[in-house]
Amino acid sequence: MASAHRTVVVMRHAKAEAVGSTDLERELSKSGRRDAHTAGEWLSGQGITPACALVSAATRTRQTWQRVAEGAGWDLEADFDRGLYAADPDTALDLVRALPDDCRSAIVIGHNPTMAYLAQLLEGGDGDVEAGNQMAIGFPTTAMAVFTYDGTWADLGPGCAALTAYQVCRA
């Protein structure tokens, strides 16, 4: 398939409760649910509508996705991936590289430190300087880094994407 303009949003899940029966089953806090909804509103306001959603199978990331999609008004089934829960940045990048080529816009919702490292890995230095400065300060819960990329997903590599926006949503 020919090279194409793509958008990928790298997002850390919203604020979760401190405890759960297991870490995998921790749920979003009340503020996390509000923040995730606000994140969806922000993404929609930026004109971002993903064709694919790659989401960790952990409860808090699933709930983040549900609230983001609700806030944005999206009707999209996410791919809940257990591998993304414990993925290192290279594995997370491999999961993005495996997205179907007909998907031109994607959102990836996972955990830190992996999402922060993935965002840093993708950033090529040619994007929005202020967004890059803000992202360098930290990647807290409900942080989102928006990247554009010209090419196939399979060819996405370190430093290949341009950071166009960085946002931390708090309701």
N, C-alpha and C. Protein backbone atom coordinates (compact mmCIF):
# COMPACT_ATOMS: atom_id res chain seq x y z
N MET A 1 0.84 -1.18 0.00
CA MET A 1 0.00 0.00 0.00
C MET A 1 0.88 1.24 0.00
N ALA A 2 0.44 2.26 -0.66
CA ALA A 2 1.21 3.50 -0.75
C ALA A 2 1.25 4.21 0.59
N SER A 3 2.23 5.05 0.73
CA SER A 3 2.40 5.86 1.92
C SER A 3 1.17 6.75 2.11
N ALA A 4 0.78 6.97 3.36
CA ALA A 4 -0.40 7.78 3.62
C ALA A 4 -0.19 8.60 4.88
N HIS A 5 -0.92 9.72 4.96
CA HIS A 5 -0.89 10.57 6.15
C HIS A 5 -1.69 9.88 7.25
N ARG A 6 -1.09 9.75 8.44
CA ARG A 6 -1.73 9.07 9.55
C ARG A 6 -1.64 9.93 10.81
N THR A 7 -2.56 9.67 11.71
CA THR A 7 -2.57 10.31 13.03
C THR A 7 -2.61 9.21 14.08
N VAL A 8 -1.81 9.37 15.11
CA VAL A 8 -1.87 8.44 16.24
C VAL A 8 -1.85 9.26 17.53
N VAL A 9 -2.76 8.91 18.42
CA VAL A 9 -2.84 9.52 19.74
C VAL A 9 -2.31 8.50 20.74
N VAL A 10 -1.30 8.88 21.50
CA VAL A 10 -0.76 8.05 22.56
C VAL A 10 -1.28 8.62 23.87
N MET A 11 -2.01 7.80 24.62
CA MET A 11 -2.68 8.29 25.81
C MET A 11 -2.41 7.40 27.02
N ARG A 12 -2.19 8.03 28.15
CA ARG A 12 -2.12 7.31 29.42
C ARG A 12 -3.53 7.29 30.01
N HIS A 13 -3.91 6.17 30.60
CA HIS A 13 -5.24 6.05 31.20
C HIS A 13 -5.50 7.16 32.21
N ALA A 14 -6.77 7.35 32.53
CA ALA A 14 -7.17 8.36 33.52
C ALA A 14 -6.87 7.84 34.93
N LYS A 15 -7.02 8.73 35.91
CA LYS A 15 -6.73 8.43 37.31
C LYS A 15 -7.55 7.23 37.79
N ALA A 16 -6.84 6.29 38.41
CA ALA A 16 -7.48 5.07 38.90
C ALA A 16 -7.50 5.06 40.43
N GLU A 17 -8.36 4.23 40.96
CA GLU A 17 -8.38 3.99 42.40
C GLU A 17 -7.04 3.38 42.80
N ALA A 18 -6.63 3.61 44.03
CA ALA A 18 -5.33 3.13 44.49
C ALA A 18 -5.28 1.62 44.66
N VAL A 19 -6.42 1.00 44.91
CA VAL A 19 -6.44 -0.44 45.14
C VAL A 19 -7.54 -1.11 44.32
N GLY A 20 -7.34 -2.39 44.09
CA GLY A 20 -8.31 -3.24 43.43
C GLY A 20 -7.97 -4.67 43.82
N SER A 21 -8.81 -5.62 43.45
CA SER A 21 -8.50 -7.00 43.82
C SER A 21 -7.18 -7.44 43.20
N THR A 22 -6.87 -6.91 42.01
CA THR A 22 -5.54 -7.04 41.39
C THR A 22 -5.25 -5.73 40.69
N ASP A 23 -4.00 -5.49 40.31
CA ASP A 23 -3.68 -4.26 39.59
C ASP A 23 -4.45 -4.20 38.27
N LEU A 24 -4.59 -5.32 37.61
CA LEU A 24 -5.30 -5.39 36.33
C LEU A 24 -6.75 -4.95 36.47
N GLU A 25 -7.33 -5.13 37.66
CA GLU A 25 -8.75 -4.86 37.88
C GLU A 25 -9.04 -3.52 38.56
N ARG A 26 -8.02 -2.68 38.76
CA ARG A 26 -8.26 -1.37 39.36
C ARG A 26 -9.17 -0.54 38.47
N GLU A 27 -10.16 0.11 39.08
CA GLU A 27 -11.13 0.91 38.33
C GLU A 27 -10.76 2.38 38.37
N LEU A 28 -11.36 3.15 37.48
CA LEU A 28 -11.15 4.60 37.48
C LEU A 28 -11.78 5.21 38.73
N SER A 29 -11.14 6.25 39.21
CA SER A 29 -11.72 7.05 40.29
C SER A 29 -12.81 7.94 39.69
N LYS A 30 -13.56 8.59 40.57
CA LYS A 30 -14.60 9.52 40.10
C LYS A 30 -13.97 10.62 39.24
N SER A 31 -12.85 11.19 39.71
CA SER A 31 -12.19 12.25 38.93
C SER A 31 -11.64 11.69 37.62
N GLY A 32 -11.17 10.46 37.64
CA GLY A 32 -10.67 9.82 36.42
C GLY A 32 -11.75 9.67 35.37
N ARG A 33 -12.94 9.31 35.80
CA ARG A 33 -14.06 9.18 34.86
C ARG A 33 -14.39 10.53 34.23
N ARG A 34 -14.39 11.58 35.05
CA ARG A 34 -14.66 12.93 34.53
C ARG A 34 -13.56 13.37 33.57
N ASP A 35 -12.30 13.14 33.98
CA ASP A 35 -11.17 13.56 33.15
C ASP A 35 -11.16 12.85 31.80
N ALA A 36 -11.47 11.56 31.80
CA ALA A 36 -11.49 10.80 30.54
C ALA A 36 -12.57 11.34 29.61
N HIS A 37 -13.73 11.67 30.16
CA HIS A 37 -14.80 12.26 29.36
C HIS A 37 -14.34 13.59 28.76
N THR A 38 -13.68 14.41 29.58
CA THR A 38 -13.14 15.69 29.12
C THR A 38 -12.10 15.47 28.01
N ALA A 39 -11.29 14.43 28.14
CA ALA A 39 -10.30 14.11 27.10
C ALA A 39 -10.99 13.80 25.78
N GLY A 40 -12.07 13.07 25.83
CA GLY A 40 -12.83 12.79 24.61
C GLY A 40 -13.38 14.04 23.98
N GLU A 41 -13.88 14.94 24.81
CA GLU A 41 -14.37 16.22 24.29
C GLU A 41 -13.25 17.00 23.62
N TRP A 42 -12.06 17.00 24.26
CA TRP A 42 -10.93 17.72 23.69
C TRP A 42 -10.52 17.12 22.34
N LEU A 43 -10.42 15.80 22.28
CA LEU A 43 -10.04 15.14 21.02
C LEU A 43 -11.04 15.45 19.92
N SER A 44 -12.32 15.38 20.24
CA SER A 44 -13.35 15.70 19.26
C SER A 44 -13.22 17.15 18.80
N GLY A 45 -12.94 18.04 19.73
CA GLY A 45 -12.75 19.45 19.39
C GLY A 45 -11.54 19.70 18.50
N GLN A 46 -10.57 18.79 18.53
CA GLN A 46 -9.40 18.88 17.66
C GLN A 46 -9.65 18.25 16.29
N GLY A 47 -10.85 17.70 16.11
CA GLY A 47 -11.19 17.05 14.84
C GLY A 47 -10.60 15.65 14.71
N ILE A 48 -10.25 15.05 15.83
CA ILE A 48 -9.66 13.70 15.80
C ILE A 48 -10.76 12.66 15.97
N THR A 49 -10.85 11.77 14.99
CA THR A 49 -11.79 10.66 15.03
C THR A 49 -11.03 9.41 14.61
N PRO A 50 -10.62 8.59 15.57
CA PRO A 50 -9.83 7.41 15.21
C PRO A 50 -10.66 6.36 14.47
N ALA A 51 -9.99 5.68 13.58
CA ALA A 51 -10.60 4.53 12.89
C ALA A 51 -10.27 3.25 13.63
N CYS A 52 -9.23 3.30 14.49
CA CYS A 52 -8.79 2.14 15.26
C CYS A 52 -8.48 2.59 16.68
N ALA A 53 -8.79 1.72 17.64
CA ALA A 53 -8.46 1.99 19.04
C ALA A 53 -7.79 0.76 19.60
N LEU A 54 -6.55 0.93 20.06
CA LEU A 54 -5.77 -0.13 20.68
C LEU A 54 -5.67 0.21 22.15
N VAL A 55 -6.26 -0.62 23.01
CA VAL A 55 -6.42 -0.30 24.42
C VAL A 55 -5.97 -1.49 25.26
N SER A 56 -5.20 -1.20 26.30
CA SER A 56 -4.83 -2.25 27.25
C SER A 56 -6.09 -2.90 27.81
N ALA A 57 -6.01 -4.17 28.12
CA ALA A 57 -7.16 -4.91 28.64
C ALA A 57 -7.43 -4.65 30.12
N ALA A 58 -6.60 -3.86 30.79
CA ALA A 58 -6.83 -3.55 32.21
C ALA A 58 -8.15 -2.79 32.36
N THR A 59 -8.78 -2.98 33.49
CA THR A 59 -10.08 -2.33 33.74
C THR A 59 -9.99 -0.82 33.59
N ARG A 60 -8.97 -0.18 34.16
CA ARG A 60 -8.89 1.28 34.12
C ARG A 60 -8.70 1.83 32.71
N THR A 61 -8.01 1.08 31.84
CA THR A 61 -7.85 1.55 30.46
C THR A 61 -9.12 1.31 29.66
N ARG A 62 -9.78 0.20 29.92
CA ARG A 62 -11.07 -0.06 29.25
C ARG A 62 -12.07 1.03 29.62
N GLN A 63 -12.11 1.38 30.92
CA GLN A 63 -13.03 2.42 31.35
C GLN A 63 -12.62 3.79 30.81
N THR A 64 -11.32 4.03 30.71
CA THR A 64 -10.86 5.28 30.09
C THR A 64 -11.37 5.36 28.67
N TRP A 65 -11.19 4.29 27.90
CA TRP A 65 -11.66 4.27 26.52
C TRP A 65 -13.16 4.55 26.45
N GLN A 66 -13.93 3.89 27.30
CA GLN A 66 -15.39 4.07 27.26
C GLN A 66 -15.77 5.53 27.50
N ARG A 67 -15.12 6.17 28.46
CA ARG A 67 -15.44 7.56 28.78
C ARG A 67 -14.92 8.53 27.71
N VAL A 68 -13.74 8.25 27.17
CA VAL A 68 -13.20 9.07 26.08
C VAL A 68 -14.14 9.00 24.88
N ALA A 69 -14.53 7.79 24.49
CA ALA A 69 -15.42 7.61 23.34
C ALA A 69 -16.76 8.29 23.57
N GLU A 70 -17.26 8.20 24.78
CA GLU A 70 -18.51 8.87 25.12
C GLU A 70 -18.37 10.39 25.01
N GLY A 71 -17.29 10.93 25.57
CA GLY A 71 -17.06 12.37 25.52
C GLY A 71 -16.88 12.89 24.09
N ALA A 72 -16.28 12.07 23.25
CA ALA A 72 -16.02 12.47 21.86
C ALA A 72 -17.20 12.19 20.94
N GLY A 73 -18.12 11.34 21.40
CA GLY A 73 -19.25 10.95 20.54
C GLY A 73 -18.87 9.91 19.50
N TRP A 74 -17.84 9.11 19.81
CA TRP A 74 -17.39 8.08 18.88
C TRP A 74 -18.15 6.78 19.10
N ASP A 75 -18.42 6.08 18.03
CA ASP A 75 -19.03 4.75 18.09
C ASP A 75 -18.06 3.79 17.42
N LEU A 76 -17.05 3.38 18.17
CA LEU A 76 -15.97 2.55 17.63
C LEU A 76 -15.64 1.46 18.63
N GLU A 77 -15.55 0.25 18.16
CA GLU A 77 -15.15 -0.87 19.01
C GLU A 77 -13.63 -0.86 19.15
N ALA A 78 -13.16 -0.93 20.37
CA ALA A 78 -11.72 -0.96 20.63
C ALA A 78 -11.20 -2.39 20.60
N ASP A 79 -9.92 -2.51 20.30
CA ASP A 79 -9.20 -3.79 20.42
C ASP A 79 -8.56 -3.77 21.80
N PHE A 80 -9.10 -4.55 22.73
CA PHE A 80 -8.56 -4.63 24.09
C PHE A 80 -7.47 -5.70 24.09
N ASP A 81 -6.24 -5.26 24.30
CA ASP A 81 -5.07 -6.12 24.15
C ASP A 81 -4.39 -6.37 25.49
N ARG A 82 -4.37 -7.63 25.94
CA ARG A 82 -3.71 -7.97 27.21
C ARG A 82 -2.22 -7.71 27.13
N GLY A 83 -1.63 -7.85 25.95
CA GLY A 83 -0.20 -7.64 25.79
C GLY A 83 0.21 -6.20 26.04
N LEU A 84 -0.70 -5.26 25.79
CA LEU A 84 -0.38 -3.85 25.99
C LEU A 84 -0.27 -3.51 27.48
N TYR A 85 -0.91 -4.30 28.33
CA TYR A 85 -0.88 -4.05 29.78
C TYR A 85 0.55 -4.05 30.31
N ALA A 86 1.35 -5.02 29.93
CA ALA A 86 2.72 -5.16 30.44
C ALA A 86 3.78 -4.84 29.39
N ALA A 87 3.36 -4.25 28.29
CA ALA A 87 4.27 -4.00 27.17
C ALA A 87 5.34 -2.98 27.52
N ASP A 88 6.54 -3.22 26.98
CA ASP A 88 7.57 -2.19 27.03
C ASP A 88 7.37 -1.31 25.80
N PRO A 89 8.09 -0.20 25.69
CA PRO A 89 7.86 0.71 24.55
C PRO A 89 8.06 0.05 23.18
N ASP A 90 9.04 -0.83 23.05
CA ASP A 90 9.26 -1.50 21.76
C ASP A 90 8.09 -2.41 21.40
N THR A 91 7.57 -3.12 22.40
CA THR A 91 6.42 -3.99 22.15
C THR A 91 5.19 -3.16 21.81
N ALA A 92 4.99 -2.05 22.52
CA ALA A 92 3.87 -1.17 22.21
C ALA A 92 3.99 -0.63 20.78
N LEU A 93 5.20 -0.26 20.37
CA LEU A 93 5.42 0.20 19.00
C LEU A 93 5.10 -0.91 18.01
N ASP A 94 5.50 -2.13 18.33
CA ASP A 94 5.18 -3.27 17.45
C ASP A 94 3.66 -3.45 17.31
N LEU A 95 2.91 -3.24 18.39
CA LEU A 95 1.45 -3.35 18.31
C LEU A 95 0.88 -2.26 17.41
N VAL A 96 1.43 -1.06 17.47
CA VAL A 96 0.98 0.01 16.57
C VAL A 96 1.34 -0.34 15.13
N ARG A 97 2.53 -0.87 14.93
CA ARG A 97 2.96 -1.26 13.57
C ARG A 97 2.06 -2.34 12.96
N ALA A 98 1.38 -3.10 13.81
CA ALA A 98 0.50 -4.16 13.33
C ALA A 98 -0.91 -3.67 12.99
N LEU A 99 -1.18 -2.37 13.18
CA LEU A 99 -2.50 -1.85 12.83
C LEU A 99 -2.74 -2.04 11.34
N PRO A 100 -3.99 -2.23 10.95
CA PRO A 100 -4.28 -2.40 9.52
C PRO A 100 -4.00 -1.12 8.74
N ASP A 101 -3.50 -1.26 7.54
CA ASP A 101 -3.13 -0.09 6.75
C ASP A 101 -4.31 0.78 6.34
N ASP A 102 -5.52 0.22 6.34
CA ASP A 102 -6.66 1.07 6.00
C ASP A 102 -7.10 1.94 7.18
N CYS A 103 -6.48 1.77 8.31
CA CYS A 103 -6.71 2.61 9.49
C CYS A 103 -5.79 3.82 9.38
N ARG A 104 -6.35 4.99 9.17
CA ARG A 104 -5.54 6.20 8.98
C ARG A 104 -5.36 6.98 10.27
N SER A 105 -6.19 6.71 11.27
CA SER A 105 -6.11 7.42 12.54
C SER A 105 -6.36 6.44 13.67
N ALA A 106 -5.48 6.46 14.69
CA ALA A 106 -5.59 5.50 15.77
C ALA A 106 -5.36 6.16 17.11
N ILE A 107 -5.90 5.56 18.15
CA ILE A 107 -5.62 5.96 19.53
C ILE A 107 -5.11 4.72 20.25
N VAL A 108 -4.08 4.93 21.06
CA VAL A 108 -3.49 3.86 21.86
C VAL A 108 -3.58 4.32 23.31
N ILE A 109 -4.26 3.52 24.14
CA ILE A 109 -4.42 3.86 25.55
C ILE A 109 -3.77 2.77 26.40
N GLY A 110 -2.78 3.19 27.19
CA GLY A 110 -2.06 2.23 28.02
C GLY A 110 -1.59 2.85 29.31
N HIS A 111 -0.46 2.36 29.77
CA HIS A 111 0.05 2.66 31.11
C HIS A 111 1.43 3.29 31.04
N ASN A 112 1.78 3.98 32.11
CA ASN A 112 3.14 4.49 32.24
C ASN A 112 3.99 3.47 32.98
N PRO A 113 5.27 3.43 32.69
CA PRO A 113 6.01 4.42 31.91
C PRO A 113 5.95 4.19 30.40
N THR A 114 5.30 3.12 29.96
CA THR A 114 5.33 2.75 28.55
C THR A 114 4.77 3.83 27.63
N MET A 115 3.64 4.44 27.97
CA MET A 115 3.05 5.44 27.07
C MET A 115 3.95 6.66 26.96
N ALA A 116 4.54 7.09 28.07
CA ALA A 116 5.46 8.23 28.03
C ALA A 116 6.67 7.91 27.15
N TYR A 117 7.22 6.72 27.33
CA TYR A 117 8.39 6.32 26.53
C TYR A 117 8.02 6.16 25.06
N LEU A 118 6.85 5.60 24.78
CA LEU A 118 6.41 5.45 23.39
C LEU A 118 6.28 6.82 22.73
N ALA A 119 5.68 7.77 23.45
CA ALA A 119 5.54 9.12 22.90
C ALA A 119 6.91 9.74 22.62
N GLN A 120 7.83 9.59 23.54
CA GLN A 120 9.19 10.11 23.34
C GLN A 120 9.88 9.40 22.17
N LEU A 121 9.64 8.11 22.05
CA LEU A 121 10.25 7.32 20.98
C LEU A 121 9.77 7.78 19.60
N LEU A 122 8.48 8.06 19.49
CA LEU A 122 7.91 8.45 18.20
C LEU A 122 8.33 9.85 17.77
N GLU A 123 8.49 10.75 18.74
CA GLU A 123 8.73 12.17 18.46
C GLU A 123 10.01 12.39 17.67
N GLY A 124 9.85 13.01 16.50
CA GLY A 124 10.97 13.22 15.61
C GLY A 124 11.63 14.58 15.72
N GLY A 125 11.10 15.48 16.54
CA GLY A 125 11.71 16.79 16.71
C GLY A 125 11.25 17.83 15.73
N ASP A 126 10.38 17.46 14.78
CA ASP A 126 9.91 18.41 13.77
C ASP A 126 8.52 18.94 14.06
N GLY A 127 7.98 18.60 15.22
CA GLY A 127 6.61 18.99 15.53
C GLY A 127 6.52 20.27 16.32
N ASP A 128 5.44 20.41 17.03
CA ASP A 128 5.14 21.59 17.82
C ASP A 128 6.11 21.66 19.01
N VAL A 129 6.92 22.70 19.05
CA VAL A 129 7.96 22.85 20.07
C VAL A 129 7.36 22.95 21.47
N GLU A 130 6.33 23.79 21.63
CA GLU A 130 5.70 23.96 22.95
C GLU A 130 5.08 22.64 23.42
N ALA A 131 4.43 21.91 22.54
CA ALA A 131 3.87 20.61 22.91
C ALA A 131 4.98 19.67 23.35
N GLY A 132 6.10 19.69 22.65
CA GLY A 132 7.25 18.86 23.02
C GLY A 132 7.81 19.23 24.37
N ASN A 133 7.88 20.53 24.66
CA ASN A 133 8.35 20.98 25.96
C ASN A 133 7.42 20.52 27.08
N GLN A 134 6.12 20.63 26.85
CA GLN A 134 5.15 20.19 27.85
C GLN A 134 5.22 18.68 28.07
N MET A 135 5.35 17.93 26.99
CA MET A 135 5.43 16.48 27.10
C MET A 135 6.68 16.06 27.86
N ALA A 136 7.77 16.80 27.69
CA ALA A 136 9.03 16.47 28.36
C ALA A 136 8.94 16.65 29.87
N ILE A 137 8.03 17.50 30.32
CA ILE A 137 7.87 17.74 31.75
C ILE A 137 7.26 16.53 32.45
N GLY A 138 6.39 15.81 31.76
CA GLY A 138 5.78 14.65 32.37
C GLY A 138 4.62 14.12 31.54
N PHE A 139 4.18 12.93 31.89
CA PHE A 139 3.08 12.27 31.18
C PHE A 139 2.13 11.71 32.24
N PRO A 140 1.39 12.61 32.92
CA PRO A 140 0.51 12.17 34.00
C PRO A 140 -0.74 11.45 33.47
N THR A 141 -1.58 11.01 34.39
CA THR A 141 -2.82 10.38 33.96
C THR A 141 -3.60 11.33 33.06
N THR A 142 -4.25 10.77 32.07
CA THR A 142 -5.05 11.46 31.06
C THR A 142 -4.21 12.35 30.14
N ALA A 143 -2.90 12.11 30.09
CA ALA A 143 -2.05 12.82 29.13
C ALA A 143 -2.23 12.21 27.75
N MET A 144 -2.21 13.08 26.73
CA MET A 144 -2.34 12.64 25.35
C MET A 144 -1.33 13.36 24.48
N ALA A 145 -0.64 12.59 23.67
CA ALA A 145 0.28 13.14 22.68
C ALA A 145 -0.27 12.77 21.30
N VAL A 146 -0.46 13.77 20.47
CA VAL A 146 -1.02 13.56 19.13
C VAL A 146 0.11 13.70 18.12
N PHE A 147 0.26 12.69 17.28
CA PHE A 147 1.32 12.66 16.28
C PHE A 147 0.74 12.50 14.89
N THR A 148 1.44 13.07 13.90
CA THR A 148 1.15 12.77 12.50
C THR A 148 2.36 12.05 11.93
N TYR A 149 2.08 11.28 10.91
CA TYR A 149 3.11 10.43 10.32
C TYR A 149 2.72 10.16 8.87
N ASP A 150 3.69 10.24 7.98
CA ASP A 150 3.45 9.90 6.58
C ASP A 150 4.16 8.59 6.28
N GLY A 151 3.37 7.56 6.05
CA GLY A 151 3.93 6.24 5.77
C GLY A 151 2.96 5.16 6.18
N THR A 152 3.39 3.93 6.08
CA THR A 152 2.57 2.81 6.52
C THR A 152 2.83 2.58 8.01
N TRP A 153 1.89 1.96 8.68
CA TRP A 153 2.10 1.64 10.09
C TRP A 153 3.32 0.74 10.25
N ALA A 154 3.46 -0.20 9.35
CA ALA A 154 4.58 -1.16 9.45
C ALA A 154 5.94 -0.47 9.44
N ASP A 155 6.02 0.70 8.80
CA ASP A 155 7.29 1.43 8.69
C ASP A 155 7.48 2.46 9.80
N LEU A 156 6.51 2.61 10.70
CA LEU A 156 6.63 3.58 11.78
C LEU A 156 7.79 3.19 12.69
N GLY A 157 8.67 4.12 12.91
CA GLY A 157 9.84 3.83 13.74
C GLY A 157 10.20 4.98 14.63
N PRO A 158 11.22 4.83 15.44
CA PRO A 158 11.66 5.89 16.33
C PRO A 158 11.96 7.18 15.56
N GLY A 159 11.45 8.28 16.07
CA GLY A 159 11.72 9.58 15.48
C GLY A 159 11.03 9.85 14.16
N CYS A 160 10.05 9.04 13.79
CA CYS A 160 9.40 9.19 12.48
C CYS A 160 8.16 10.09 12.49
N ALA A 161 7.66 10.43 13.67
CA ALA A 161 6.39 11.15 13.74
C ALA A 161 6.60 12.57 14.23
N ALA A 162 5.67 13.43 13.88
CA ALA A 162 5.69 14.83 14.32
C ALA A 162 4.63 15.02 15.39
N LEU A 163 5.04 15.53 16.55
CA LEU A 163 4.12 15.84 17.63
C LEU A 163 3.35 17.11 17.25
N THR A 164 2.02 16.99 17.18
CA THR A 164 1.21 18.16 16.80
C THR A 164 0.47 18.76 17.98
N ALA A 165 0.27 17.96 19.05
CA ALA A 165 -0.43 18.48 20.23
C ALA A 165 -0.12 17.60 21.43
N TYR A 166 -0.16 18.23 22.58
CA TYR A 166 -0.01 17.51 23.85
C TYR A 166 -1.02 18.12 24.81
N GLN A 167 -1.77 17.27 25.47
CA GLN A 167 -2.82 17.78 26.36
C GLN A 167 -2.98 16.85 27.56
N VAL A 168 -3.15 17.45 28.72
CA VAL A 168 -3.52 16.71 29.93
C VAL A 168 -4.89 17.22 30.32
N CYS A 169 -5.87 16.34 30.37
CA CYS A 169 -7.24 16.78 30.65
C CYS A 169 -7.60 16.58 32.10
N ARG A 170 -8.10 17.63 32.69
CA ARG A 170 -8.63 17.61 34.05
C ARG A 170 -9.99 18.30 34.01
N ALA A 171 -11.01 17.62 34.50
CA ALA A 171 -12.37 18.17 34.47
C ALA A 171 -12.53 19.22 35.56
